[in-house]
Amino acid sequence: MRAAGELFAQRGNEAQMDEIATRSGLGMGTLYRHFPNKQALLTAIVRERFEGMIELARAAEPIADPGAAFETILRSYLEAAEGDAAFQRALLGSIGFEWAGVAEQKAELAAIVTRVIERAVAAGAVRDDLTYSDFPLITNGVMATMYFRPSGIADWRRHLELVLDRVSTRAR
């Protein structure tokens, strides 16, 4: 899956199963026994990444400070995605990914993040109009800076700090 992720990151949907098999050191039959097509392989990669994101969210949810819990989820989500260009491309829509294969994982992550955001809103730690629907907007915006690096010098961490300054109600 690592070899496939690298190829998807480099070539998007142009990555071919024979290239993936060669790079991973597998025969085509072995690859196809595990993943009947390219979409199934990409789904497995994204599902695995979402499982990791769920674990990060679970770890952040019990943080006592609601604002810190929100920031921890947001920051750890983006840090985990930093080195995974295939995941970034899937989230940014540049691979033509079909989300049906990870619906359960997306729903679980959404439920945790929703609880954390609602707790942060109730505590006055973040803007009172922040909702879960803002989470993908924020993460994809920062992830676009991470992946595309506009002007070649863009710093996704600075982008995140600018977003957090606008979302958080406490002085930084």
N, C-alpha and C. Protein backbone atom coordinates (compact mmCIF):
# COMPACT_ATOMS: atom_id res chain seq x y z
N MET A 1 0.83 -1.19 0.00
CA MET A 1 0.00 0.00 0.00
C MET A 1 0.87 1.25 0.00
N ARG A 2 2.06 1.16 0.60
CA ARG A 2 2.96 2.31 0.60
C ARG A 2 3.38 2.66 -0.82
N ALA A 3 3.76 1.65 -1.60
CA ALA A 3 4.17 1.89 -2.99
C ALA A 3 3.02 2.49 -3.80
N ALA A 4 1.82 1.98 -3.58
CA ALA A 4 0.65 2.51 -4.28
C ALA A 4 0.40 3.96 -3.88
N GLY A 5 0.52 4.24 -2.60
CA GLY A 5 0.33 5.61 -2.12
C GLY A 5 1.30 6.57 -2.76
N GLU A 6 2.56 6.15 -2.89
CA GLU A 6 3.57 6.99 -3.53
C GLU A 6 3.21 7.26 -4.99
N LEU A 7 2.80 6.21 -5.69
CA LEU A 7 2.44 6.39 -7.10
C LEU A 7 1.19 7.23 -7.27
N PHE A 8 0.18 7.02 -6.43
CA PHE A 8 -1.02 7.85 -6.51
C PHE A 8 -0.66 9.31 -6.22
N ALA A 9 0.25 9.53 -5.28
CA ALA A 9 0.67 10.88 -4.96
C ALA A 9 1.37 11.54 -6.14
N GLN A 10 2.19 10.78 -6.83
CA GLN A 10 2.94 11.33 -7.96
C GLN A 10 2.10 11.48 -9.21
N ARG A 11 1.27 10.49 -9.48
CA ARG A 11 0.62 10.42 -10.80
C ARG A 11 -0.90 10.48 -10.76
N GLY A 12 -1.48 10.53 -9.56
CA GLY A 12 -2.93 10.57 -9.47
C GLY A 12 -3.55 9.34 -10.09
N ASN A 13 -4.66 9.52 -10.79
CA ASN A 13 -5.36 8.40 -11.40
C ASN A 13 -4.59 7.77 -12.55
N GLU A 14 -3.54 8.41 -12.98
CA GLU A 14 -2.71 7.86 -14.06
C GLU A 14 -1.85 6.68 -13.57
N ALA A 15 -1.70 6.53 -12.27
CA ALA A 15 -0.94 5.40 -11.73
C ALA A 15 -1.64 4.11 -12.16
N GLN A 16 -0.87 3.16 -12.63
CA GLN A 16 -1.42 1.91 -13.14
C GLN A 16 -1.07 0.74 -12.22
N MET A 17 -1.93 -0.25 -12.22
CA MET A 17 -1.74 -1.41 -11.35
C MET A 17 -0.42 -2.12 -11.65
N ASP A 18 0.00 -2.21 -12.89
CA ASP A 18 1.27 -2.88 -13.18
C ASP A 18 2.45 -2.12 -12.60
N GLU A 19 2.39 -0.78 -12.61
CA GLU A 19 3.43 0.04 -11.99
C GLU A 19 3.45 -0.20 -10.48
N ILE A 20 2.27 -0.26 -9.89
CA ILE A 20 2.16 -0.47 -8.45
C ILE A 20 2.73 -1.84 -8.08
N ALA A 21 2.39 -2.86 -8.85
CA ALA A 21 2.91 -4.21 -8.59
C ALA A 21 4.43 -4.22 -8.68
N THR A 22 4.97 -3.60 -9.71
CA THR A 22 6.42 -3.57 -9.90
C THR A 22 7.09 -2.84 -8.75
N ARG A 23 6.59 -1.67 -8.40
CA ARG A 23 7.21 -0.88 -7.34
C ARG A 23 7.13 -1.58 -5.99
N SER A 24 6.04 -2.33 -5.76
CA SER A 24 5.89 -3.00 -4.47
C SER A 24 6.55 -4.37 -4.43
N GLY A 25 7.06 -4.83 -5.57
CA GLY A 25 7.72 -6.13 -5.62
C GLY A 25 6.75 -7.30 -5.63
N LEU A 26 5.52 -7.06 -6.02
CA LEU A 26 4.51 -8.10 -6.07
C LEU A 26 4.22 -8.47 -7.52
N GLY A 27 3.72 -9.67 -7.70
CA GLY A 27 3.22 -10.06 -9.01
C GLY A 27 1.84 -9.48 -9.21
N MET A 28 1.44 -9.34 -10.45
CA MET A 28 0.11 -8.79 -10.75
C MET A 28 -1.00 -9.65 -10.11
N GLY A 29 -0.85 -10.97 -10.15
CA GLY A 29 -1.86 -11.84 -9.57
C GLY A 29 -2.04 -11.59 -8.08
N THR A 30 -0.93 -11.44 -7.39
CA THR A 30 -0.98 -11.17 -5.94
C THR A 30 -1.68 -9.84 -5.68
N LEU A 31 -1.31 -8.83 -6.43
CA LEU A 31 -1.93 -7.51 -6.25
C LEU A 31 -3.43 -7.59 -6.49
N TYR A 32 -3.83 -8.23 -7.58
CA TYR A 32 -5.25 -8.32 -7.92
C TYR A 32 -6.03 -9.22 -6.97
N ARG A 33 -5.38 -10.18 -6.33
CA ARG A 33 -6.08 -11.01 -5.34
C ARG A 33 -6.47 -10.16 -4.13
N HIS A 34 -5.63 -9.22 -3.80
CA HIS A 34 -5.91 -8.36 -2.64
C HIS A 34 -6.78 -7.16 -3.00
N PHE A 35 -6.57 -6.62 -4.19
CA PHE A 35 -7.28 -5.42 -4.63
C PHE A 35 -7.73 -5.63 -6.07
N PRO A 36 -9.03 -5.85 -6.29
CA PRO A 36 -9.50 -6.20 -7.63
C PRO A 36 -9.33 -5.08 -8.67
N ASN A 37 -9.14 -3.84 -8.19
CA ASN A 37 -8.93 -2.74 -9.13
C ASN A 37 -8.24 -1.59 -8.40
N LYS A 38 -7.88 -0.59 -9.15
CA LYS A 38 -7.16 0.56 -8.62
C LYS A 38 -7.99 1.29 -7.57
N GLN A 39 -9.29 1.41 -7.81
CA GLN A 39 -10.16 2.12 -6.87
C GLN A 39 -10.21 1.40 -5.52
N ALA A 40 -10.24 0.07 -5.54
CA ALA A 40 -10.24 -0.70 -4.29
C ALA A 40 -8.95 -0.48 -3.51
N LEU A 41 -7.85 -0.38 -4.21
CA LEU A 41 -6.56 -0.14 -3.56
C LEU A 41 -6.53 1.26 -2.95
N LEU A 42 -6.96 2.25 -3.69
CA LEU A 42 -6.99 3.61 -3.17
C LEU A 42 -7.94 3.71 -1.98
N THR A 43 -9.07 3.04 -2.05
CA THR A 43 -10.01 3.03 -0.93
C THR A 43 -9.36 2.45 0.32
N ALA A 44 -8.61 1.37 0.16
CA ALA A 44 -7.92 0.75 1.30
C ALA A 44 -6.90 1.72 1.91
N ILE A 45 -6.19 2.45 1.06
CA ILE A 45 -5.21 3.43 1.55
C ILE A 45 -5.91 4.52 2.36
N VAL A 46 -6.99 5.07 1.81
CA VAL A 46 -7.70 6.16 2.48
C VAL A 46 -8.39 5.65 3.75
N ARG A 47 -8.96 4.44 3.70
CA ARG A 47 -9.60 3.87 4.90
C ARG A 47 -8.57 3.73 6.03
N GLU A 48 -7.39 3.23 5.70
CA GLU A 48 -6.34 3.08 6.71
C GLU A 48 -5.97 4.43 7.31
N ARG A 49 -5.87 5.45 6.48
CA ARG A 49 -5.54 6.79 6.98
C ARG A 49 -6.66 7.31 7.88
N PHE A 50 -7.91 7.11 7.49
CA PHE A 50 -9.02 7.56 8.33
C PHE A 50 -9.05 6.83 9.66
N GLU A 51 -8.70 5.56 9.67
CA GLU A 51 -8.62 4.82 10.94
C GLU A 51 -7.62 5.51 11.88
N GLY A 52 -6.49 5.93 11.31
CA GLY A 52 -5.50 6.66 12.11
C GLY A 52 -6.04 7.99 12.60
N MET A 53 -6.78 8.68 11.76
CA MET A 53 -7.36 9.96 12.14
C MET A 53 -8.38 9.79 13.27
N ILE A 54 -9.13 8.70 13.22
CA ILE A 54 -10.09 8.41 14.28
C ILE A 54 -9.36 8.22 15.60
N GLU A 55 -8.26 7.50 15.58
CA GLU A 55 -7.48 7.30 16.81
C GLU A 55 -6.96 8.62 17.36
N LEU A 56 -6.50 9.51 16.48
CA LEU A 56 -6.04 10.83 16.92
C LEU A 56 -7.19 11.61 17.57
N ALA A 57 -8.36 11.55 16.95
CA ALA A 57 -9.53 12.26 17.49
C ALA A 57 -9.95 11.68 18.84
N ARG A 58 -9.93 10.36 18.95
CA ARG A 58 -10.27 9.73 20.23
C ARG A 58 -9.31 10.17 21.34
N ALA A 59 -8.04 10.30 21.00
CA ALA A 59 -7.04 10.71 21.99
C ALA A 59 -7.25 12.16 22.41
N ALA A 60 -7.71 13.01 21.49
CA ALA A 60 -7.89 14.43 21.81
C ALA A 60 -9.20 14.72 22.51
N GLU A 61 -10.22 13.91 22.27
CA GLU A 61 -11.55 14.19 22.81
C GLU A 61 -11.58 14.37 24.34
N PRO A 62 -10.87 13.55 25.12
CA PRO A 62 -10.97 13.73 26.57
C PRO A 62 -10.13 14.88 27.16
N ILE A 63 -9.42 15.62 26.33
CA ILE A 63 -8.63 16.76 26.85
C ILE A 63 -9.59 17.71 27.57
N ALA A 64 -9.23 18.08 28.77
CA ALA A 64 -10.13 18.86 29.62
C ALA A 64 -10.49 20.23 29.04
N ASP A 65 -9.52 20.91 28.47
CA ASP A 65 -9.77 22.24 27.90
C ASP A 65 -10.41 22.06 26.52
N PRO A 66 -11.67 22.48 26.35
CA PRO A 66 -12.37 22.25 25.08
C PRO A 66 -11.68 22.89 23.87
N GLY A 67 -11.12 24.08 24.06
CA GLY A 67 -10.40 24.74 22.96
C GLY A 67 -9.14 23.97 22.59
N ALA A 68 -8.45 23.49 23.60
CA ALA A 68 -7.23 22.71 23.34
C ALA A 68 -7.58 21.37 22.67
N ALA A 69 -8.71 20.79 23.04
CA ALA A 69 -9.13 19.54 22.40
C ALA A 69 -9.38 19.77 20.92
N PHE A 70 -10.07 20.87 20.58
CA PHE A 70 -10.32 21.18 19.18
C PHE A 70 -9.01 21.42 18.43
N GLU A 71 -8.16 22.24 18.98
CA GLU A 71 -6.88 22.53 18.32
C GLU A 71 -6.03 21.27 18.16
N THR A 72 -6.08 20.40 19.15
CA THR A 72 -5.30 19.16 19.08
C THR A 72 -5.79 18.27 17.95
N ILE A 73 -7.11 18.13 17.82
CA ILE A 73 -7.64 17.32 16.72
C ILE A 73 -7.25 17.93 15.38
N LEU A 74 -7.45 19.21 15.24
CA LEU A 74 -7.15 19.87 13.97
C LEU A 74 -5.67 19.76 13.62
N ARG A 75 -4.83 20.08 14.57
CA ARG A 75 -3.38 20.06 14.33
C ARG A 75 -2.88 18.63 14.07
N SER A 76 -3.32 17.67 14.88
CA SER A 76 -2.84 16.29 14.71
C SER A 76 -3.35 15.69 13.40
N TYR A 77 -4.56 16.02 13.00
CA TYR A 77 -5.11 15.58 11.72
C TYR A 77 -4.21 16.05 10.57
N LEU A 78 -3.88 17.33 10.60
CA LEU A 78 -3.05 17.88 9.52
C LEU A 78 -1.61 17.37 9.59
N GLU A 79 -1.06 17.24 10.78
CA GLU A 79 0.29 16.70 10.89
C GLU A 79 0.36 15.27 10.37
N ALA A 80 -0.67 14.48 10.64
CA ALA A 80 -0.70 13.10 10.16
C ALA A 80 -0.81 13.05 8.64
N ALA A 81 -1.49 14.01 8.06
CA ALA A 81 -1.67 14.05 6.61
C ALA A 81 -0.45 14.63 5.89
N GLU A 82 0.42 15.29 6.63
CA GLU A 82 1.53 16.02 6.02
C GLU A 82 2.36 15.16 5.07
N GLY A 83 2.72 13.99 5.45
CA GLY A 83 3.60 13.17 4.62
C GLY A 83 2.87 12.23 3.68
N ASP A 84 1.57 12.37 3.55
CA ASP A 84 0.79 11.43 2.75
C ASP A 84 0.10 12.16 1.59
N ALA A 85 0.84 12.35 0.52
CA ALA A 85 0.32 13.09 -0.63
C ALA A 85 -0.85 12.39 -1.29
N ALA A 86 -0.91 11.07 -1.25
CA ALA A 86 -2.04 10.35 -1.84
C ALA A 86 -3.32 10.67 -1.07
N PHE A 87 -3.24 10.69 0.25
CA PHE A 87 -4.39 11.04 1.08
C PHE A 87 -4.80 12.49 0.82
N GLN A 88 -3.82 13.37 0.74
CA GLN A 88 -4.10 14.77 0.46
C GLN A 88 -4.83 14.91 -0.88
N ARG A 89 -4.34 14.24 -1.89
CA ARG A 89 -4.97 14.32 -3.22
C ARG A 89 -6.39 13.76 -3.18
N ALA A 90 -6.61 12.69 -2.45
CA ALA A 90 -7.96 12.13 -2.35
C ALA A 90 -8.90 13.14 -1.69
N LEU A 91 -8.46 13.76 -0.59
CA LEU A 91 -9.30 14.72 0.10
C LEU A 91 -9.54 15.98 -0.72
N LEU A 92 -8.55 16.36 -1.48
CA LEU A 92 -8.67 17.57 -2.30
C LEU A 92 -9.42 17.32 -3.60
N GLY A 93 -9.78 16.06 -3.83
CA GLY A 93 -10.58 15.73 -5.00
C GLY A 93 -9.83 15.57 -6.29
N SER A 94 -8.51 15.52 -6.24
CA SER A 94 -7.75 15.48 -7.48
C SER A 94 -7.47 14.06 -7.97
N ILE A 95 -8.00 13.05 -7.29
CA ILE A 95 -7.82 11.67 -7.75
C ILE A 95 -9.15 11.09 -8.22
N GLY A 96 -10.24 11.74 -7.99
CA GLY A 96 -11.54 11.19 -8.36
C GLY A 96 -11.94 10.03 -7.46
N PHE A 97 -11.69 10.19 -6.20
CA PHE A 97 -11.92 9.14 -5.21
C PHE A 97 -13.40 8.94 -4.96
N GLU A 98 -13.81 7.68 -4.80
CA GLU A 98 -15.20 7.33 -4.45
C GLU A 98 -15.25 7.07 -2.94
N TRP A 99 -16.02 7.89 -2.23
CA TRP A 99 -16.03 7.86 -0.77
C TRP A 99 -16.85 6.75 -0.16
N ALA A 100 -17.63 6.02 -0.92
CA ALA A 100 -18.50 4.99 -0.36
C ALA A 100 -17.72 3.96 0.46
N GLY A 101 -16.50 3.67 0.08
CA GLY A 101 -15.70 2.66 0.77
C GLY A 101 -15.19 3.07 2.14
N VAL A 102 -15.30 4.36 2.48
CA VAL A 102 -14.84 4.83 3.78
C VAL A 102 -15.94 5.59 4.53
N ALA A 103 -17.17 5.36 4.16
CA ALA A 103 -18.29 6.08 4.77
C ALA A 103 -18.36 5.86 6.28
N GLU A 104 -18.13 4.63 6.71
CA GLU A 104 -18.19 4.33 8.15
C GLU A 104 -17.12 5.09 8.92
N GLN A 105 -15.90 5.10 8.38
CA GLN A 105 -14.80 5.80 9.04
C GLN A 105 -15.04 7.31 9.06
N LYS A 106 -15.51 7.85 7.95
CA LYS A 106 -15.81 9.29 7.91
C LYS A 106 -16.88 9.65 8.93
N ALA A 107 -17.90 8.81 9.05
CA ALA A 107 -18.97 9.09 10.00
C ALA A 107 -18.47 9.04 11.44
N GLU A 108 -17.62 8.08 11.74
CA GLU A 108 -17.08 7.99 13.11
C GLU A 108 -16.21 9.20 13.44
N LEU A 109 -15.35 9.59 12.51
CA LEU A 109 -14.52 10.77 12.73
C LEU A 109 -15.41 12.00 12.89
N ALA A 110 -16.41 12.14 12.05
CA ALA A 110 -17.32 13.29 12.13
C ALA A 110 -18.03 13.35 13.47
N ALA A 111 -18.43 12.22 14.01
CA ALA A 111 -19.13 12.20 15.30
C ALA A 111 -18.22 12.70 16.42
N ILE A 112 -16.98 12.25 16.42
CA ILE A 112 -16.05 12.69 17.46
C ILE A 112 -15.75 14.17 17.33
N VAL A 113 -15.42 14.60 16.12
CA VAL A 113 -15.08 16.01 15.90
C VAL A 113 -16.28 16.90 16.23
N THR A 114 -17.46 16.46 15.88
CA THR A 114 -18.68 17.22 16.20
C THR A 114 -18.81 17.42 17.70
N ARG A 115 -18.62 16.36 18.47
CA ARG A 115 -18.71 16.49 19.94
C ARG A 115 -17.68 17.48 20.46
N VAL A 116 -16.47 17.40 19.95
CA VAL A 116 -15.40 18.29 20.42
C VAL A 116 -15.74 19.74 20.06
N ILE A 117 -16.20 19.98 18.85
CA ILE A 117 -16.55 21.34 18.43
C ILE A 117 -17.71 21.86 19.27
N GLU A 118 -18.74 21.05 19.48
CA GLU A 118 -19.88 21.50 20.28
C GLU A 118 -19.47 21.84 21.71
N ARG A 119 -18.57 21.06 22.25
CA ARG A 119 -18.08 21.34 23.61
C ARG A 119 -17.28 22.64 23.63
N ALA A 120 -16.46 22.87 22.59
CA ALA A 120 -15.66 24.09 22.51
C ALA A 120 -16.55 25.32 22.31
N VAL A 121 -17.59 25.18 21.50
CA VAL A 121 -18.54 26.28 21.32
C VAL A 121 -19.25 26.58 22.63
N ALA A 122 -19.73 25.55 23.32
CA ALA A 122 -20.45 25.74 24.59
C ALA A 122 -19.56 26.40 25.64
N ALA A 123 -18.27 26.12 25.59
CA ALA A 123 -17.33 26.70 26.56
C ALA A 123 -16.88 28.09 26.16
N GLY A 124 -17.27 28.53 24.96
CA GLY A 124 -16.85 29.84 24.49
C GLY A 124 -15.40 29.87 24.01
N ALA A 125 -14.84 28.71 23.75
CA ALA A 125 -13.43 28.62 23.34
C ALA A 125 -13.22 28.88 21.85
N VAL A 126 -14.28 28.70 21.07
CA VAL A 126 -14.22 28.95 19.63
C VAL A 126 -15.44 29.77 19.22
N ARG A 127 -15.41 30.26 18.02
CA ARG A 127 -16.55 31.03 17.49
C ARG A 127 -17.85 30.28 17.74
N ASP A 128 -18.90 31.01 18.03
CA ASP A 128 -20.16 30.34 18.34
C ASP A 128 -20.88 29.80 17.11
N ASP A 129 -20.39 30.11 15.93
CA ASP A 129 -21.01 29.57 14.72
C ASP A 129 -20.19 28.45 14.08
N LEU A 130 -19.14 28.00 14.77
CA LEU A 130 -18.32 26.90 14.25
C LEU A 130 -19.09 25.59 14.34
N THR A 131 -19.10 24.82 13.25
CA THR A 131 -19.77 23.52 13.23
C THR A 131 -18.85 22.50 12.57
N TYR A 132 -19.27 21.24 12.60
CA TYR A 132 -18.47 20.21 11.95
C TYR A 132 -18.29 20.49 10.45
N SER A 133 -19.28 21.07 9.81
CA SER A 133 -19.15 21.32 8.37
C SER A 133 -17.98 22.26 8.06
N ASP A 134 -17.51 23.01 9.04
CA ASP A 134 -16.34 23.87 8.85
C ASP A 134 -15.04 23.08 8.90
N PHE A 135 -15.05 21.94 9.58
CA PHE A 135 -13.82 21.16 9.76
C PHE A 135 -13.20 20.75 8.42
N PRO A 136 -13.97 20.14 7.49
CA PRO A 136 -13.36 19.79 6.20
C PRO A 136 -12.91 21.02 5.41
N LEU A 137 -13.63 22.13 5.55
CA LEU A 137 -13.22 23.35 4.86
C LEU A 137 -11.86 23.83 5.37
N ILE A 138 -11.72 23.82 6.67
CA ILE A 138 -10.46 24.25 7.28
C ILE A 138 -9.33 23.29 6.89
N THR A 139 -9.57 21.99 7.08
CA THR A 139 -8.50 21.03 6.81
C THR A 139 -8.13 21.01 5.34
N ASN A 140 -9.11 21.08 4.45
CA ASN A 140 -8.78 21.06 3.02
C ASN A 140 -8.07 22.34 2.60
N GLY A 141 -8.46 23.46 3.18
CA GLY A 141 -7.77 24.72 2.86
C GLY A 141 -6.30 24.66 3.27
N VAL A 142 -6.06 24.22 4.48
CA VAL A 142 -4.68 24.11 4.95
C VAL A 142 -3.94 23.03 4.16
N MET A 143 -4.63 21.93 3.88
CA MET A 143 -4.02 20.83 3.13
C MET A 143 -3.63 21.27 1.71
N ALA A 144 -4.41 22.16 1.13
CA ALA A 144 -4.06 22.68 -0.20
C ALA A 144 -2.75 23.44 -0.13
N THR A 145 -2.55 24.20 0.93
CA THR A 145 -1.28 24.89 1.12
C THR A 145 -0.16 23.88 1.30
N MET A 146 -0.44 22.82 2.03
CA MET A 146 0.53 21.76 2.28
C MET A 146 0.92 21.06 0.97
N TYR A 147 -0.07 20.72 0.17
CA TYR A 147 0.19 19.93 -1.04
C TYR A 147 0.71 20.77 -2.19
N PHE A 148 0.05 21.89 -2.47
CA PHE A 148 0.40 22.67 -3.66
C PHE A 148 1.50 23.69 -3.41
N ARG A 149 1.72 24.06 -2.16
CA ARG A 149 2.75 25.03 -1.79
C ARG A 149 2.76 26.24 -2.72
N PRO A 150 1.68 27.02 -2.70
CA PRO A 150 1.61 28.20 -3.58
C PRO A 150 2.85 29.07 -3.42
N SER A 151 3.34 29.54 -4.50
CA SER A 151 4.54 30.38 -4.60
C SER A 151 5.79 29.66 -4.12
N GLY A 152 5.68 28.38 -3.86
CA GLY A 152 6.86 27.59 -3.48
C GLY A 152 7.34 27.80 -2.06
N ILE A 153 6.83 28.79 -1.38
CA ILE A 153 7.31 29.06 -0.02
C ILE A 153 6.19 28.98 1.02
N ALA A 154 5.02 28.60 0.58
CA ALA A 154 3.88 28.55 1.50
C ALA A 154 4.16 27.61 2.67
N ASP A 155 3.76 28.02 3.83
CA ASP A 155 3.96 27.25 5.05
C ASP A 155 2.58 26.88 5.61
N TRP A 156 2.23 25.59 5.52
CA TRP A 156 0.91 25.17 5.97
C TRP A 156 0.73 25.41 7.46
N ARG A 157 1.80 25.34 8.23
CA ARG A 157 1.66 25.57 9.68
C ARG A 157 1.29 27.03 9.97
N ARG A 158 1.85 27.94 9.21
CA ARG A 158 1.46 29.35 9.37
C ARG A 158 0.01 29.54 8.94
N HIS A 159 -0.38 28.89 7.86
CA HIS A 159 -1.77 28.95 7.41
C HIS A 159 -2.70 28.46 8.53
N LEU A 160 -2.34 27.36 9.16
CA LEU A 160 -3.14 26.82 10.26
C LEU A 160 -3.22 27.82 11.41
N GLU A 161 -2.11 28.44 11.77
CA GLU A 161 -2.13 29.42 12.87
C GLU A 161 -3.03 30.60 12.54
N LEU A 162 -3.01 31.05 11.28
CA LEU A 162 -3.90 32.14 10.88
C LEU A 162 -5.36 31.73 11.01
N VAL A 163 -5.67 30.51 10.62
CA VAL A 163 -7.05 30.00 10.74
C VAL A 163 -7.43 29.90 12.22
N LEU A 164 -6.55 29.31 13.03
CA LEU A 164 -6.86 29.18 14.45
C LEU A 164 -7.04 30.53 15.12
N ASP A 165 -6.26 31.54 14.71
CA ASP A 165 -6.44 32.87 15.27
C ASP A 165 -7.84 33.40 14.99
N ARG A 166 -8.40 33.05 13.87
CA ARG A 166 -9.73 33.54 13.50
C ARG A 166 -10.84 32.70 14.14
N VAL A 167 -10.58 31.41 14.36
CA VAL A 167 -11.58 30.51 14.92
C VAL A 167 -11.64 30.61 16.43
N SER A 168 -10.50 30.72 17.06
CA SER A 168 -10.43 30.73 18.52
C SER A 168 -10.91 32.06 19.08
N THR A 169 -11.49 32.01 20.26
CA THR A 169 -11.96 33.23 20.92
C THR A 169 -10.94 33.76 21.92
N ARG A 170 -9.92 32.96 22.20
CA ARG A 170 -8.94 33.44 23.18
C ARG A 170 -7.78 34.14 22.48
N ALA A 171 -7.18 35.04 23.19
CA ALA A 171 -6.05 35.80 22.64
C ALA A 171 -4.86 34.86 22.48
N ARG A 172 -4.14 35.06 21.43
CA ARG A 172 -2.94 34.24 21.16
C ARG A 172 -1.71 35.08 21.35
